[in-house]
Amino acid sequence: MRTGLIGLILIFALGYGGAKWYLHHEVSSGVDAAVLIMSPYANMEYGGISSTLSGELTIDDVRIQVNGFRDDVEIGRLGITTPSFLALLNLSTLAAGAGASASPPEYFGLIAEEVRVFALDDYMRYVYSENIRQLAPADIKQGGVQCVGKYGFSPEALSALGYDELVMSMSVVLRQAEANFITEIDFSVEDMIDVEVDATMVGGIMSGAAMASGYRPTLHNLHMKLTDRSLNERVQKYCTRLGLTPEQITRAHVDALQYFGKQNHIEFDKYVIDPYKEYLAGKPTLIVTARPREPLQLARITKYRPSDVPALLNLEAAAE
């Protein structure tokens, strides 16, 4: 009995080791090919390939430098997540076009952990300045606009807020349900903010992907949770240093929120604005939900007046 058990363990270990070697070899070959293709535009180096029994496959210790820029981006882990190691192997089979026996995993996701950038890096300056150049906002020099980041925080504002280095992590997971599919997004910046989004869309992942540009996402419901990790307090202090009163700071925040809404054809009402003010005043969490009474094709939102969209989406918020 004991000898048989040891034999089974050895068989499993050898099988797992062989599968892992095959998987890492295939991924490494693909990554090396991608690095070669990218070389006219960017240089990428990485430390190795990792996989787990829980279904994660990552490229580790990644360093990317875009041509034309001095500074680079460091990424601790970049890869995919699935339900299990077996799902990883099936996914590899699907990607290779092999077969009929392999089926898509229950869920599939992309992960990027410990993405490190510095506020004053040259590409950060370039991205911000290009965004402002294209928007050309008339109020860009106003103190409230700068300190609440209405158009995104400038590198100088990030530094003034104490974020000389930004450490970010993100995952995007697609999960198929019976008649819907769920997109789960987790995004965090250390000592700044955590964002969790669950959006349920009508239809199937594969059928939607097959439609490509013809796909029209239809929202069933959405749940978003913001957790402040010190950003609000830092913004309050920075705005105060610039000479703004508490009332002016709140108005600047609400103006930035309404600008964001305008970009998405939404005019937020008191059911979002009032909880948002409570969140700014010290409550650590803001939860926003959208539960349309009937599934809503998102492209149709532009056919309504922005002031009618919150009711159309059944949009609500709560600060906790």
Protein backbone atom coordinates (compact mmCIF):
# COMPACT_ATOMS: atom_id res chain seq x y z
CA MET A 1 0.00 0.00 0.00
CA ARG A 2 2.73 2.43 1.04
CA THR A 3 4.82 1.61 -2.06
CA GLY A 4 1.78 2.15 -4.29
CA LEU A 5 1.08 5.53 -2.68
CA ILE A 6 4.67 6.63 -3.18
CA GLY A 7 4.43 5.52 -6.80
CA LEU A 8 1.28 7.56 -7.37
CA ILE A 9 2.94 10.61 -5.84
CA LEU A 10 5.97 10.17 -8.09
CA ILE A 11 3.79 9.77 -11.17
CA PHE A 12 1.87 12.92 -10.27
CA ALA A 13 5.08 14.84 -9.58
CA LEU A 14 6.65 13.76 -12.86
CA GLY A 15 3.48 14.53 -14.79
CA TYR A 16 3.11 17.93 -13.19
CA GLY A 17 6.79 18.72 -13.68
CA GLY A 18 6.65 17.73 -17.34
CA ALA A 19 3.49 19.74 -17.97
CA LYS A 20 4.98 22.74 -16.20
CA TRP A 21 8.20 22.51 -18.23
CA TYR A 22 6.17 22.33 -21.46
CA LEU A 23 3.99 25.27 -20.46
CA HIS A 24 6.94 27.45 -19.41
CA HIS A 25 8.85 26.53 -22.58
CA GLU A 26 5.91 27.51 -24.80
CA VAL A 27 5.33 30.76 -22.95
CA SER A 28 9.03 31.66 -22.90
CA SER A 29 9.25 31.07 -26.65
CA GLY A 30 6.20 33.25 -27.21
CA VAL A 31 7.49 36.03 -24.96
CA ASP A 32 10.91 36.00 -26.63
CA ALA A 33 9.19 36.30 -30.02
CA ALA A 34 7.08 39.20 -28.72
CA VAL A 35 10.21 40.94 -27.36
CA LEU A 36 11.76 40.68 -30.82
CA ILE A 37 8.64 42.11 -32.50
CA MET A 38 8.53 44.96 -29.96
CA SER A 39 12.21 45.86 -30.37
CA PRO A 40 11.67 48.71 -32.89
CA TYR A 41 9.33 50.39 -30.38
CA ALA A 42 10.36 49.22 -26.91
CA ASN A 43 12.91 47.12 -25.05
CA MET A 44 11.62 44.51 -22.61
CA GLU A 45 13.53 42.31 -20.19
CA TYR A 46 12.14 39.75 -17.74
CA GLY A 47 13.46 37.52 -15.00
CA GLY A 48 11.54 34.29 -15.62
CA ILE A 49 8.24 32.44 -16.01
CA SER A 50 6.14 31.17 -13.07
CA SER A 51 2.97 29.08 -12.78
CA THR A 52 0.93 27.79 -9.85
CA LEU A 53 -1.43 24.91 -9.17
CA SER A 54 -4.12 27.52 -8.51
CA GLY A 55 -4.01 28.52 -12.19
CA GLU A 56 -1.77 31.58 -12.48
CA LEU A 57 0.85 31.97 -15.20
CA THR A 58 3.11 35.02 -15.02
CA ILE A 59 6.16 36.68 -16.49
CA ASP A 60 8.17 37.94 -13.52
CA ASP A 61 10.43 40.93 -12.91
CA VAL A 62 9.53 42.72 -16.14
CA ARG A 63 11.26 45.92 -17.18
CA ILE A 64 9.98 47.89 -20.19
CA GLN A 65 11.61 50.94 -21.76
CA VAL A 66 9.76 52.61 -24.62
CA ASN A 67 12.09 53.95 -27.30
CA GLY A 68 12.46 57.70 -27.07
CA PHE A 69 12.09 57.75 -23.29
CA ARG A 70 14.85 57.51 -20.70
CA ASP A 71 12.83 56.10 -17.81
CA ASP A 72 11.37 52.60 -17.68
CA VAL A 73 8.41 50.77 -16.12
CA GLU A 74 8.95 47.91 -13.67
CA ILE A 75 6.33 45.18 -13.23
CA GLY A 76 6.64 42.51 -10.55
CA ARG A 77 4.28 39.99 -12.18
CA LEU A 78 2.41 40.17 -15.49
CA GLY A 79 0.23 37.33 -16.70
CA ILE A 80 -3.05 35.44 -16.59
CA THR A 81 -5.22 33.73 -14.00
CA THR A 82 -7.54 30.74 -14.47
CA PRO A 83 -9.31 28.28 -12.11
CA SER A 84 -6.51 25.67 -12.08
CA PHE A 85 -3.28 24.43 -13.61
CA LEU A 86 -5.32 22.08 -15.78
CA ALA A 87 -7.25 25.10 -17.08
CA LEU A 88 -3.91 26.68 -18.00
CA LEU A 89 -3.00 23.62 -20.04
CA ASN A 90 -6.40 23.61 -21.75
CA LEU A 91 -5.99 27.29 -22.53
CA SER A 92 -2.61 26.57 -24.06
CA THR A 93 -4.23 23.87 -26.22
CA LEU A 94 -6.94 26.31 -27.32
CA ALA A 95 -4.37 28.99 -28.15
CA ALA A 96 -2.47 26.49 -30.27
CA GLY A 97 -5.69 25.77 -32.20
CA ALA A 98 -5.61 22.11 -31.20
CA GLY A 99 -8.75 21.21 -30.39
CA ALA A 100 -12.01 20.10 -30.01
CA SER A 101 -11.49 18.40 -26.67
CA ALA A 102 -10.32 21.60 -24.94
CA SER A 103 -12.95 23.99 -23.61
CA PRO A 104 -12.67 27.59 -22.39
CA PRO A 105 -12.05 27.88 -18.63
CA GLU A 106 -14.80 28.88 -16.20
CA TYR A 107 -13.07 32.23 -15.92
CA PHE A 108 -10.07 33.93 -17.44
CA GLY A 109 -8.22 37.02 -16.27
CA LEU A 110 -5.24 39.28 -16.78
CA ILE A 111 -3.11 40.38 -13.84
CA ALA A 112 -0.40 43.00 -13.37
CA GLU A 113 1.11 43.32 -9.90
CA GLU A 114 3.57 45.81 -8.42
CA VAL A 115 3.73 48.10 -11.43
CA ARG A 116 6.22 50.75 -10.31
CA VAL A 117 6.45 54.20 -11.88
CA PHE A 118 7.79 57.51 -10.62
CA ALA A 119 5.68 60.65 -10.83
CA LEU A 120 8.45 62.66 -12.47
CA ASP A 121 9.46 60.02 -15.05
CA ASP A 122 9.69 61.44 -18.57
CA TYR A 123 6.85 59.33 -20.01
CA MET A 124 4.55 60.38 -17.14
CA ARG A 125 5.24 64.02 -18.01
CA TYR A 126 4.63 63.30 -21.71
CA VAL A 127 1.31 61.48 -21.20
CA TYR A 128 -0.04 64.23 -18.93
CA SER A 129 1.08 67.11 -21.15
CA GLU A 130 -0.35 65.44 -24.28
CA ASN A 131 -3.68 64.90 -22.54
CA ILE A 132 -3.84 68.56 -21.51
CA ARG A 133 -2.76 69.69 -24.98
CA GLN A 134 -5.62 67.75 -26.59
CA LEU A 135 -8.23 68.82 -24.04
CA ALA A 136 -7.02 72.45 -23.92
CA PRO A 137 -9.18 73.22 -20.85
CA ALA A 138 -9.66 76.89 -20.04
CA ASP A 139 -9.53 76.29 -16.26
CA ILE A 140 -6.35 74.18 -16.15
CA LYS A 141 -4.39 76.76 -14.10
CA GLN A 142 -6.96 77.02 -11.32
CA GLY A 143 -5.72 75.72 -7.96
CA GLY A 144 -8.81 73.58 -7.34
CA VAL A 145 -8.50 71.96 -10.76
CA GLN A 146 -4.88 71.05 -10.05
CA CYS A 147 -5.18 69.79 -6.48
CA VAL A 148 -8.23 67.51 -7.05
CA GLY A 149 -6.94 66.21 -10.41
CA LYS A 150 -9.93 67.20 -12.54
CA TYR A 151 -8.04 66.23 -15.71
CA GLY A 152 -5.77 63.75 -13.98
CA PHE A 153 -3.02 64.59 -11.52
CA SER A 154 0.01 66.28 -13.01
CA PRO A 155 3.43 64.85 -12.09
CA GLU A 156 4.03 67.92 -9.93
CA ALA A 157 0.68 67.45 -8.13
CA LEU A 158 1.46 63.78 -7.49
CA SER A 159 4.79 64.77 -5.98
CA ALA A 160 3.11 67.46 -3.84
CA LEU A 161 0.64 64.82 -2.60
CA GLY A 162 3.55 62.61 -1.52
CA TYR A 163 3.27 60.11 -4.36
CA ASP A 164 6.78 60.34 -5.81
CA GLU A 165 6.58 56.60 -6.50
CA LEU A 166 3.34 54.88 -7.53
CA VAL A 167 2.96 51.14 -6.93
CA MET A 168 -0.09 49.80 -8.74
CA SER A 169 -1.75 46.42 -9.17
CA MET A 170 -4.65 45.43 -11.39
CA SER A 171 -6.64 42.38 -12.41
CA VAL A 172 -9.42 41.99 -14.96
CA VAL A 173 -11.38 38.72 -14.82
CA LEU A 174 -14.11 37.57 -17.22
CA ARG A 175 -16.48 35.02 -15.74
CA GLN A 176 -19.30 33.29 -17.65
CA ALA A 177 -22.66 32.87 -15.90
CA GLU A 178 -25.78 31.23 -17.35
CA ALA A 179 -27.19 34.00 -19.56
CA ASN A 180 -24.70 36.72 -18.65
CA PHE A 181 -21.01 37.26 -18.19
CA ILE A 182 -19.35 39.17 -15.38
CA THR A 183 -16.34 41.45 -15.63
CA GLU A 184 -14.49 41.83 -12.33
CA ILE A 185 -11.93 44.63 -12.15
CA ASP A 186 -9.66 45.23 -9.15
CA PHE A 187 -7.31 48.20 -9.26
CA SER A 188 -5.20 49.59 -6.44
CA VAL A 189 -2.50 52.17 -5.86
CA GLU A 190 -0.59 51.75 -2.61
CA ASP A 191 -1.49 54.37 0.01
CA MET A 192 -3.89 55.99 -2.45
CA ILE A 193 -7.06 54.11 -3.42
CA ASP A 194 -8.61 50.70 -4.11
CA VAL A 195 -11.24 50.30 -6.83
CA GLU A 196 -13.42 47.20 -7.26
CA VAL A 197 -15.88 46.94 -10.16
CA ASP A 198 -18.28 44.09 -10.94
CA ALA A 199 -20.24 44.58 -14.18
CA THR A 200 -22.76 41.99 -15.37
CA MET A 201 -23.41 42.08 -19.10
CA VAL A 202 -26.03 40.20 -21.11
CA GLY A 203 -24.78 37.38 -23.34
CA GLY A 204 -21.71 35.19 -23.62
CA ILE A 205 -18.01 35.98 -23.60
CA MET A 206 -17.19 33.92 -26.67
CA SER A 207 -20.15 35.13 -28.74
CA GLY A 208 -19.32 38.74 -27.88
CA ALA A 209 -15.67 38.23 -28.85
CA ALA A 210 -16.74 36.66 -32.15
CA MET A 211 -18.70 39.81 -33.04
CA ALA A 212 -15.54 41.94 -32.61
CA SER A 213 -16.33 45.59 -33.46
CA GLY A 214 -19.98 44.68 -34.01
CA TYR A 215 -20.46 43.79 -30.35
CA ARG A 216 -22.88 46.07 -28.47
CA PRO A 217 -22.45 45.64 -24.69
CA THR A 218 -25.74 45.45 -22.78
CA LEU A 219 -25.60 46.22 -19.06
CA HIS A 220 -27.54 44.09 -16.58
CA ASN A 221 -26.08 45.67 -13.43
CA LEU A 222 -22.93 47.28 -12.06
CA HIS A 223 -21.37 47.52 -8.59
CA MET A 224 -18.36 49.76 -7.91
CA LYS A 225 -16.59 50.20 -4.59
CA LEU A 226 -13.99 52.89 -3.91
CA THR A 227 -11.88 52.61 -0.75
CA ASP A 228 -9.78 55.61 0.22
CA ARG A 229 -6.26 54.73 1.40
CA SER A 230 -5.19 58.31 2.23
CA LEU A 231 -5.80 60.16 -1.07
CA ASN A 232 -8.69 62.30 0.22
CA GLU A 233 -6.75 63.55 3.24
CA ARG A 234 -3.69 64.33 1.11
CA VAL A 235 -5.80 66.23 -1.44
CA GLN A 236 -7.48 68.20 1.33
CA LYS A 237 -4.10 69.27 2.74
CA TYR A 238 -2.65 70.09 -0.68
CA CYS A 239 -5.68 72.19 -1.68
CA THR A 240 -5.47 73.99 1.67
CA ARG A 241 -1.80 74.79 1.04
CA LEU A 242 -2.88 76.34 -2.26
CA GLY A 243 -5.24 78.65 -0.35
CA LEU A 244 -8.62 76.96 -0.93
CA THR A 245 -11.29 76.93 1.77
CA PRO A 246 -13.07 73.64 2.70
CA GLU A 247 -16.14 74.80 0.72
CA GLN A 248 -14.02 75.56 -2.35
CA ILE A 249 -12.32 72.18 -2.10
CA THR A 250 -15.68 70.39 -2.02
CA ARG A 251 -16.91 72.43 -5.01
CA ALA A 252 -13.73 71.54 -6.92
CA HIS A 253 -14.29 67.83 -6.20
CA VAL A 254 -17.93 67.96 -7.34
CA ASP A 255 -16.95 69.92 -10.47
CA ALA A 256 -14.39 67.22 -11.30
CA LEU A 257 -17.03 64.52 -10.73
CA GLN A 258 -19.49 66.29 -13.04
CA TYR A 259 -16.76 66.68 -15.66
CA PHE A 260 -16.16 62.92 -15.51
CA GLY A 261 -19.91 62.38 -15.88
CA LYS A 262 -20.07 64.73 -18.86
CA GLN A 263 -17.38 62.71 -20.61
CA ASN A 264 -19.69 59.68 -20.22
CA HIS A 265 -22.96 61.52 -21.05
CA ILE A 266 -24.19 61.47 -17.43
CA GLU A 267 -25.23 64.38 -15.23
CA PHE A 268 -24.97 63.07 -11.69
CA ASP A 269 -27.86 63.88 -9.33
CA LYS A 270 -28.05 64.24 -5.55
CA TYR A 271 -28.29 60.46 -5.09
CA VAL A 272 -24.64 60.27 -6.16
CA ILE A 273 -23.34 63.73 -5.24
CA ASP A 274 -24.53 63.75 -1.60
CA PRO A 275 -22.90 60.36 -0.72
CA TYR A 276 -19.79 61.48 -2.62
CA LYS A 277 -19.54 64.52 -0.34
CA GLU A 278 -19.83 62.21 2.69
CA TYR A 279 -16.99 60.10 1.27
CA LEU A 280 -14.85 63.21 0.83
CA ALA A 281 -15.67 64.30 4.39
CA GLY A 282 -14.11 61.20 5.91
CA LYS A 283 -16.12 58.05 5.25
CA PRO A 284 -13.61 55.59 3.82
CA THR A 285 -15.80 53.79 1.28
CA LEU A 286 -18.07 54.87 -1.56
CA ILE A 287 -20.31 52.30 -3.24
CA VAL A 288 -21.99 53.11 -6.56
CA THR A 289 -24.59 50.80 -8.12
CA ALA A 290 -26.44 50.79 -11.44
CA ARG A 291 -29.45 48.49 -11.76
CA PRO A 292 -31.43 49.33 -14.92
CA ARG A 293 -34.98 48.01 -14.73
CA GLU A 294 -34.38 46.40 -18.12
CA PRO A 295 -30.97 45.46 -19.55
CA LEU A 296 -29.61 48.56 -21.27
CA GLN A 297 -27.49 48.67 -24.41
CA LEU A 298 -24.81 51.16 -23.38
CA ALA A 299 -24.55 52.75 -26.82
CA ARG A 300 -28.14 53.97 -26.41
CA ILE A 301 -27.24 56.22 -23.46
CA THR A 302 -26.27 59.03 -25.84
CA LYS A 303 -29.87 59.16 -27.13
CA TYR A 304 -31.05 60.45 -23.73
CA ARG A 305 -30.47 63.75 -22.00
CA PRO A 306 -27.54 63.48 -19.55
CA SER A 307 -29.84 64.53 -16.69
CA ASP A 308 -32.13 61.54 -17.46
CA VAL A 309 -29.36 58.91 -17.50
CA PRO A 310 -29.07 58.41 -13.69
CA ALA A 311 -32.76 57.44 -13.55
CA LEU A 312 -32.36 55.27 -16.66
CA LEU A 313 -29.49 53.41 -15.00
CA ASN A 314 -31.21 53.46 -11.59
CA LEU A 315 -27.92 54.92 -10.37
CA GLU A 316 -27.34 55.23 -6.62
CA ALA A 317 -24.42 55.70 -4.23
CA ALA A 318 -23.75 55.21 -0.53
CA ALA A 319 -20.83 56.25 1.69
CA GLU A 320 -19.89 53.89 4.51
